[in-house]
Amino acid sequence: MSSKFSKSSLSKLNGSMNEDLIRLELYSIVTDVFLSREYFNRNSDIVAFIKAINYEYADYLFKSRTLLLARILRDINKAEKKDLLLIMRSLQYLLFTDIEPDTKTRDRKTKNYVDSIMEQFKRGSDYE
Protein backbone atom coordinates (compact mmCIF):
# COMPACT_ATOMS: atom_id res chain seq x y z
CA MET A 1 0.00 0.00 0.00
CA SER A 2 1.08 3.53 -0.37
CA SER A 3 0.93 6.62 1.72
CA LYS A 4 -1.72 8.09 -0.59
CA PHE A 5 -4.02 5.14 0.07
CA SER A 6 -3.57 5.43 3.82
CA LYS A 7 -4.26 9.15 3.75
CA SER A 8 -7.38 8.78 1.64
CA SER A 9 -8.70 5.94 3.82
CA LEU A 10 -8.01 7.91 6.97
CA SER A 11 -9.65 11.06 5.64
CA LYS A 12 -12.86 9.10 4.95
CA LEU A 13 -13.12 7.91 8.56
CA ASN A 14 -15.18 9.88 11.05
CA GLY A 15 -16.40 9.35 14.56
CA SER A 16 -20.01 8.69 13.60
CA MET A 17 -19.15 5.54 11.64
CA ASN A 18 -19.76 2.03 12.85
CA GLU A 19 -17.16 0.80 15.35
CA ASP A 20 -16.35 -2.31 13.33
CA LEU A 21 -15.83 -0.30 10.15
CA ILE A 22 -13.40 2.03 11.93
CA ARG A 23 -11.56 -0.99 13.32
CA LEU A 24 -11.32 -2.61 9.90
CA GLU A 25 -9.91 0.53 8.28
CA LEU A 26 -7.44 1.05 11.12
CA TYR A 27 -6.02 -2.44 10.57
CA SER A 28 -4.89 -1.58 7.05
CA ILE A 29 -3.73 1.95 7.83
CA VAL A 30 -1.70 0.94 10.90
CA THR A 31 -0.13 -1.95 8.99
CA ASP A 32 0.89 0.35 6.15
CA VAL A 33 2.28 3.05 8.43
CA PHE A 34 4.22 0.72 10.72
CA LEU A 35 5.81 -1.36 7.99
CA SER A 36 6.90 1.56 5.83
CA ARG A 37 9.93 3.59 6.79
CA GLU A 38 8.35 6.83 5.63
CA TYR A 39 6.95 7.87 9.00
CA PHE A 40 9.07 5.83 11.40
CA ASN A 41 12.59 5.49 10.08
CA ARG A 42 13.83 3.68 13.18
CA ASN A 43 11.91 1.42 15.50
CA SER A 44 12.69 3.71 18.42
CA ASP A 45 10.71 6.48 16.69
CA ILE A 46 7.52 4.47 17.18
CA VAL A 47 7.70 4.86 20.97
CA ALA A 48 6.28 8.41 20.89
CA PHE A 49 3.31 7.31 18.79
CA ILE A 50 2.57 4.39 21.12
CA LYS A 51 2.62 6.72 24.13
CA ALA A 52 0.32 9.17 22.31
CA ILE A 53 -2.35 6.48 21.98
CA ASN A 54 -2.00 5.57 25.68
CA TYR A 55 -0.42 2.15 25.29
CA GLU A 56 2.73 0.87 26.89
CA TYR A 57 4.69 -2.09 25.61
CA ALA A 58 7.79 -3.92 26.79
CA ASP A 59 11.10 -2.85 25.27
CA TYR A 60 11.62 -6.14 23.44
CA LEU A 61 8.65 -5.39 21.16
CA PHE A 62 10.40 -2.31 19.74
CA LYS A 63 13.20 -4.47 18.37
CA SER A 64 10.90 -6.00 15.76
CA ARG A 65 8.29 -4.11 13.75
CA THR A 66 6.34 -7.26 13.05
CA LEU A 67 6.01 -8.11 16.74
CA LEU A 68 5.01 -4.54 17.49
CA LEU A 69 2.50 -4.55 14.65
CA ALA A 70 0.97 -7.79 15.92
CA ARG A 71 0.54 -6.31 19.40
CA ILE A 72 -1.01 -3.05 18.20
CA LEU A 73 -3.39 -4.92 15.89
CA ARG A 74 -4.45 -7.12 18.79
CA ASP A 75 -5.08 -4.02 20.90
CA ILE A 76 -7.09 -2.45 18.07
CA ASN A 77 -9.16 -5.62 17.95
CA LYS A 78 -9.98 -5.33 21.68
CA ALA A 79 -10.36 -1.53 21.75
CA GLU A 80 -13.53 0.33 22.50
CA LYS A 81 -14.80 3.08 20.25
CA LYS A 82 -13.21 5.92 22.24
CA ASP A 83 -9.82 4.19 21.98
CA LEU A 84 -10.29 3.65 18.25
CA LEU A 85 -11.05 7.35 17.83
CA LEU A 86 -7.88 8.25 19.73
CA ILE A 87 -5.82 6.02 17.43
CA MET A 88 -7.57 7.54 14.43
CA ARG A 89 -6.81 11.11 15.56
CA SER A 90 -3.18 10.23 16.31
CA LEU A 91 -2.78 8.72 12.86
CA GLN A 92 -4.36 11.78 11.27
CA TYR A 93 -1.90 13.99 13.10
CA LEU A 94 0.98 11.77 12.01
CA LEU A 95 0.00 11.49 8.35
CA PHE A 96 -1.29 15.00 7.71
CA THR A 97 1.33 17.11 9.49
CA ASP A 98 4.67 17.82 7.94
CA ILE A 99 7.41 15.79 9.56
CA GLU A 100 11.00 16.81 9.15
CA PRO A 101 13.15 14.04 7.71
CA ASP A 102 15.54 12.34 10.06
CA THR A 103 19.00 13.73 9.33
CA LYS A 104 20.88 11.31 11.56
CA THR A 105 20.37 8.32 9.32
CA ARG A 106 22.36 8.28 6.15
CA ASP A 107 21.12 7.36 2.74
CA ARG A 108 22.31 3.88 1.86
CA LYS A 109 22.32 4.61 -1.84
CA THR A 110 25.23 7.03 -1.59
CA LYS A 111 28.60 5.68 -2.54
CA ASN A 112 31.44 5.77 -0.10
CA TYR A 113 35.05 6.67 -0.83
CA VAL A 114 36.13 3.11 -1.62
CA ASP A 115 33.32 2.70 -4.16
CA SER A 116 34.35 5.87 -5.97
CA ILE A 117 38.02 4.76 -6.13
CA MET A 118 37.06 1.30 -7.40
CA GLU A 119 34.94 2.83 -10.13
CA GLN A 120 37.77 5.11 -11.25
CA PHE A 121 40.33 2.31 -11.50
CA LYS A 122 38.44 -0.61 -12.98
CA ARG A 123 40.38 -3.68 -13.99
CA GLY A 124 40.16 -4.89 -17.56
CA SER A 125 38.47 -3.16 -20.40
CA ASP A 126 34.80 -2.62 -21.01
CA TYR A 127 34.97 -4.63 -24.26
CA GLU A 128 35.87 -8.00 -22.67
C-alpha atoms as a PDB file:
ATOM      1  CA  MET A   1       0.000   0.000   0.000  1.00  0.00           C
ATOM      2  CA  SER A   2       1.075   3.525  -0.373  1.00  0.00           C
ATOM      3  CA  SER A   3       0.929   6.622   1.720  1.00  0.00           C
ATOM      4  CA  LYS A   4      -1.720   8.092  -0.585  1.00  0.00           C
ATOM      5  CA  PHE A   5      -4.023   5.144   0.065  1.00  0.00           C
ATOM      6  CA  SER A   6      -3.570   5.431   3.822  1.00  0.00           C
ATOM      7  CA  LYS A   7      -4.258   9.151   3.751  1.00  0.00           C
ATOM      8  CA  SER A   8      -7.383   8.782   1.643  1.00  0.00           C
ATOM      9  CA  SER A   9      -8.697   5.940   3.823  1.00  0.00           C
ATOM     10  CA  LEU A  10      -8.012   7.908   6.970  1.00  0.00           C
ATOM     11  CA  SER A  11      -9.651  11.056   5.643  1.00  0.00           C
ATOM     12  CA  LYS A  12     -12.860   9.098   4.950  1.00  0.00           C
ATOM     13  CA  LEU A  13     -13.120   7.914   8.562  1.00  0.00           C
ATOM     14  CA  ASN A  14     -15.184   9.883  11.051  1.00  0.00           C
ATOM     15  CA  GLY A  15     -16.405   9.355  14.560  1.00  0.00           C
ATOM     16  CA  SER A  16     -20.012   8.692  13.596  1.00  0.00           C
ATOM     17  CA  MET A  17     -19.154   5.542  11.639  1.00  0.00           C
ATOM     18  CA  ASN A  18     -19.764   2.027  12.849  1.00  0.00           C
ATOM     19  CA  GLU A  19     -17.161   0.800  15.351  1.00  0.00           C
ATOM     20  CA  ASP A  20     -16.353  -2.312  13.326  1.00  0.00           C
ATOM     21  CA  LEU A  21     -15.826  -0.304  10.152  1.00  0.00           C
ATOM     22  CA  ILE A  22     -13.397   2.033  11.932  1.00  0.00           C
ATOM     23  CA  ARG A  23     -11.561  -0.990  13.319  1.00  0.00           C
ATOM     24  CA  LEU A  24     -11.321  -2.607   9.902  1.00  0.00           C
ATOM     25  CA  GLU A  25      -9.905   0.529   8.278  1.00  0.00           C
ATOM     26  CA  LEU A  26      -7.438   1.047  11.116  1.00  0.00           C
ATOM     27  CA  TYR A  27      -6.018  -2.442  10.567  1.00  0.00           C
ATOM     28  CA  SER A  28      -4.886  -1.585   7.047  1.00  0.00           C
ATOM     29  CA  ILE A  29      -3.726   1.947   7.833  1.00  0.00           C
ATOM     30  CA  VAL A  30      -1.698   0.939  10.899  1.00  0.00           C
ATOM     31  CA  THR A  31      -0.125  -1.946   8.992  1.00  0.00           C
ATOM     32  CA  ASP A  32       0.889   0.347   6.148  1.00  0.00           C
ATOM     33  CA  VAL A  33       2.280   3.049   8.435  1.00  0.00           C
ATOM     34  CA  PHE A  34       4.217   0.720  10.720  1.00  0.00           C
ATOM     35  CA  LEU A  35       5.807  -1.364   7.986  1.00  0.00           C
ATOM     36  CA  SER A  36       6.899   1.557   5.827  1.00  0.00           C
ATOM     37  CA  ARG A  37       9.934   3.588   6.792  1.00  0.00           C
ATOM     38  CA  GLU A  38       8.349   6.828   5.634  1.00  0.00           C
ATOM     39  CA  TYR A  39       6.954   7.867   9.005  1.00  0.00           C
ATOM     40  CA  PHE A  40       9.073   5.834  11.397  1.00  0.00           C
ATOM     41  CA  ASN A  41      12.591   5.487  10.080  1.00  0.00           C
ATOM     42  CA  ARG A  42      13.832   3.681  13.178  1.00  0.00           C
ATOM     43  CA  ASN A  43      11.913   1.420  15.499  1.00  0.00           C
ATOM     44  CA  SER A  44      12.693   3.708  18.423  1.00  0.00           C
ATOM     45  CA  ASP A  45      10.714   6.481  16.685  1.00  0.00           C
ATOM     46  CA  ILE A  46       7.521   4.471  17.180  1.00  0.00           C
ATOM     47  CA  VAL A  47       7.702   4.862  20.975  1.00  0.00           C
ATOM     48  CA  ALA A  48       6.276   8.410  20.894  1.00  0.00           C
ATOM     49  CA  PHE A  49       3.315   7.314  18.791  1.00  0.00           C
ATOM     50  CA  ILE A  50       2.567   4.395  21.115  1.00  0.00           C
ATOM     51  CA  LYS A  51       2.622   6.718  24.129  1.00  0.00           C
ATOM     52  CA  ALA A  52       0.317   9.168  22.312  1.00  0.00           C
ATOM     53  CA  ILE A  53      -2.345   6.480  21.978  1.00  0.00           C
ATOM     54  CA  ASN A  54      -1.999   5.565  25.682  1.00  0.00           C
ATOM     55  CA  TYR A  55      -0.423   2.150  25.288  1.00  0.00           C
ATOM     56  CA  GLU A  56       2.730   0.865  26.890  1.00  0.00           C
ATOM     57  CA  TYR A  57       4.685  -2.092  25.613  1.00  0.00           C
ATOM     58  CA  ALA A  58       7.785  -3.916  26.785  1.00  0.00           C
ATOM     59  CA  ASP A  59      11.097  -2.854  25.266  1.00  0.00           C
ATOM     60  CA  TYR A  60      11.619  -6.139  23.442  1.00  0.00           C
ATOM     61  CA  LEU A  61       8.655  -5.386  21.161  1.00  0.00           C
ATOM     62  CA  PHE A  62      10.399  -2.314  19.742  1.00  0.00           C
ATOM     63  CA  LYS A  63      13.198  -4.470  18.372  1.00  0.00           C
ATOM     64  CA  SER A  64      10.897  -5.999  15.762  1.00  0.00           C
ATOM     65  CA  ARG A  65       8.292  -4.108  13.751  1.00  0.00           C
ATOM     66  CA  THR A  66       6.343  -7.265  13.047  1.00  0.00           C
ATOM     67  CA  LEU A  67       6.013  -8.111  16.744  1.00  0.00           C
ATOM     68  CA  LEU A  68       5.012  -4.539  17.487  1.00  0.00           C
ATOM     69  CA  LEU A  69       2.501  -4.546  14.652  1.00  0.00           C
ATOM     70  CA  ALA A  70       0.969  -7.789  15.918  1.00  0.00           C
ATOM     71  CA  ARG A  71       0.542  -6.307  19.399  1.00  0.00           C
ATOM     72  CA  ILE A  72      -1.007  -3.046  18.201  1.00  0.00           C
ATOM     73  CA  LEU A  73      -3.390  -4.925  15.894  1.00  0.00           C
ATOM     74  CA  ARG A  74      -4.453  -7.125  18.792  1.00  0.00           C
ATOM     75  CA  ASP A  75      -5.079  -4.025  20.896  1.00  0.00           C
ATOM     76  CA  ILE A  76      -7.092  -2.452  18.068  1.00  0.00           C
ATOM     77  CA  ASN A  77      -9.156  -5.625  17.950  1.00  0.00           C
ATOM     78  CA  LYS A  78      -9.979  -5.333  21.676  1.00  0.00           C
ATOM     79  CA  ALA A  79     -10.358  -1.531  21.746  1.00  0.00           C
ATOM     80  CA  GLU A  80     -13.529   0.329  22.497  1.00  0.00           C
ATOM     81  CA  LYS A  81     -14.804   3.084  20.249  1.00  0.00           C
ATOM     82  CA  LYS A  82     -13.211   5.916  22.243  1.00  0.00           C
ATOM     83  CA  ASP A  83      -9.823   4.193  21.984  1.00  0.00           C
ATOM     84  CA  LEU A  84     -10.293   3.654  18.255  1.00  0.00           C
ATOM     85  CA  LEU A  85     -11.053   7.349  17.830  1.00  0.00           C
ATOM     86  CA  LEU A  86      -7.883   8.247  19.733  1.00  0.00           C
ATOM     87  CA  ILE A  87      -5.822   6.020  17.434  1.00  0.00           C
ATOM     88  CA  MET A  88      -7.570   7.542  14.428  1.00  0.00           C
ATOM     89  CA  ARG A  89      -6.811  11.109  15.561  1.00  0.00           C
ATOM     90  CA  SER A  90      -3.179  10.231  16.310  1.00  0.00           C
ATOM     91  CA  LEU A  91      -2.783   8.715  12.855  1.00  0.00           C
ATOM     92  CA  GLN A  92      -4.363  11.778  11.272  1.00  0.00           C
ATOM     93  CA  TYR A  93      -1.903  13.986  13.104  1.00  0.00           C
ATOM     94  CA  LEU A  94       0.982  11.766  12.005  1.00  0.00           C
ATOM     95  CA  LEU A  95      -0.003  11.490   8.352  1.00  0.00           C
ATOM     96  CA  PHE A  96      -1.289  15.001   7.710  1.00  0.00           C
ATOM     97  CA  THR A  97       1.330  17.111   9.485  1.00  0.00           C
ATOM     98  CA  ASP A  98       4.670  17.821   7.942  1.00  0.00           C
ATOM     99  CA  ILE A  99       7.408  15.789   9.557  1.00  0.00           C
ATOM    100  CA  GLU A 100      10.999  16.811   9.150  1.00  0.00           C
ATOM    101  CA  PRO A 101      13.145  14.037   7.710  1.00  0.00           C
ATOM    102  CA  ASP A 102      15.545  12.342  10.056  1.00  0.00           C
ATOM    103  CA  THR A 103      19.004  13.735   9.332  1.00  0.00           C
ATOM    104  CA  LYS A 104      20.878  11.313  11.565  1.00  0.00           C
ATOM    105  CA  THR A 105      20.374   8.323   9.321  1.00  0.00           C
ATOM    106  CA  ARG A 106      22.364   8.281   6.150  1.00  0.00           C
ATOM    107  CA  ASP A 107      21.118   7.355   2.739  1.00  0.00           C
ATOM    108  CA  ARG A 108      22.314   3.880   1.865  1.00  0.00           C
ATOM    109  CA  LYS A 109      22.322   4.611  -1.845  1.00  0.00           C
ATOM    110  CA  THR A 110      25.228   7.034  -1.591  1.00  0.00           C
ATOM    111  CA  LYS A 111      28.600   5.676  -2.536  1.00  0.00           C
ATOM    112  CA  ASN A 112      31.440   5.775  -0.103  1.00  0.00           C
ATOM    113  CA  TYR A 113      35.055   6.667  -0.827  1.00  0.00           C
ATOM    114  CA  VAL A 114      36.128   3.106  -1.621  1.00  0.00           C
ATOM    115  CA  ASP A 115      33.316   2.700  -4.160  1.00  0.00           C
ATOM    116  CA  SER A 116      34.355   5.874  -5.970  1.00  0.00           C
ATOM    117  CA  ILE A 117      38.025   4.762  -6.126  1.00  0.00           C
ATOM    118  CA  MET A 118      37.064   1.302  -7.402  1.00  0.00           C
ATOM    119  CA  GLU A 119      34.935   2.828 -10.126  1.00  0.00           C
ATOM    120  CA  GLN A 120      37.767   5.111 -11.254  1.00  0.00           C
ATOM    121  CA  PHE A 121      40.334   2.314 -11.499  1.00  0.00           C
ATOM    122  CA  LYS A 122      38.440  -0.608 -12.984  1.00  0.00           C
ATOM    123  CA  ARG A 123      40.377  -3.676 -13.994  1.00  0.00           C
ATOM    124  CA  GLY A 124      40.160  -4.891 -17.563  1.00  0.00           C
ATOM    125  CA  SER A 125      38.472  -3.163 -20.395  1.00  0.00           C
ATOM    126  CA  ASP A 126      34.799  -2.621 -21.015  1.00  0.00           C
ATOM    127  CA  TYR A 127      34.973  -4.634 -24.260  1.00  0.00           C
ATOM    128  CA  GLU A 128      35.869  -7.997 -22.667  1.00  0.00           C
END
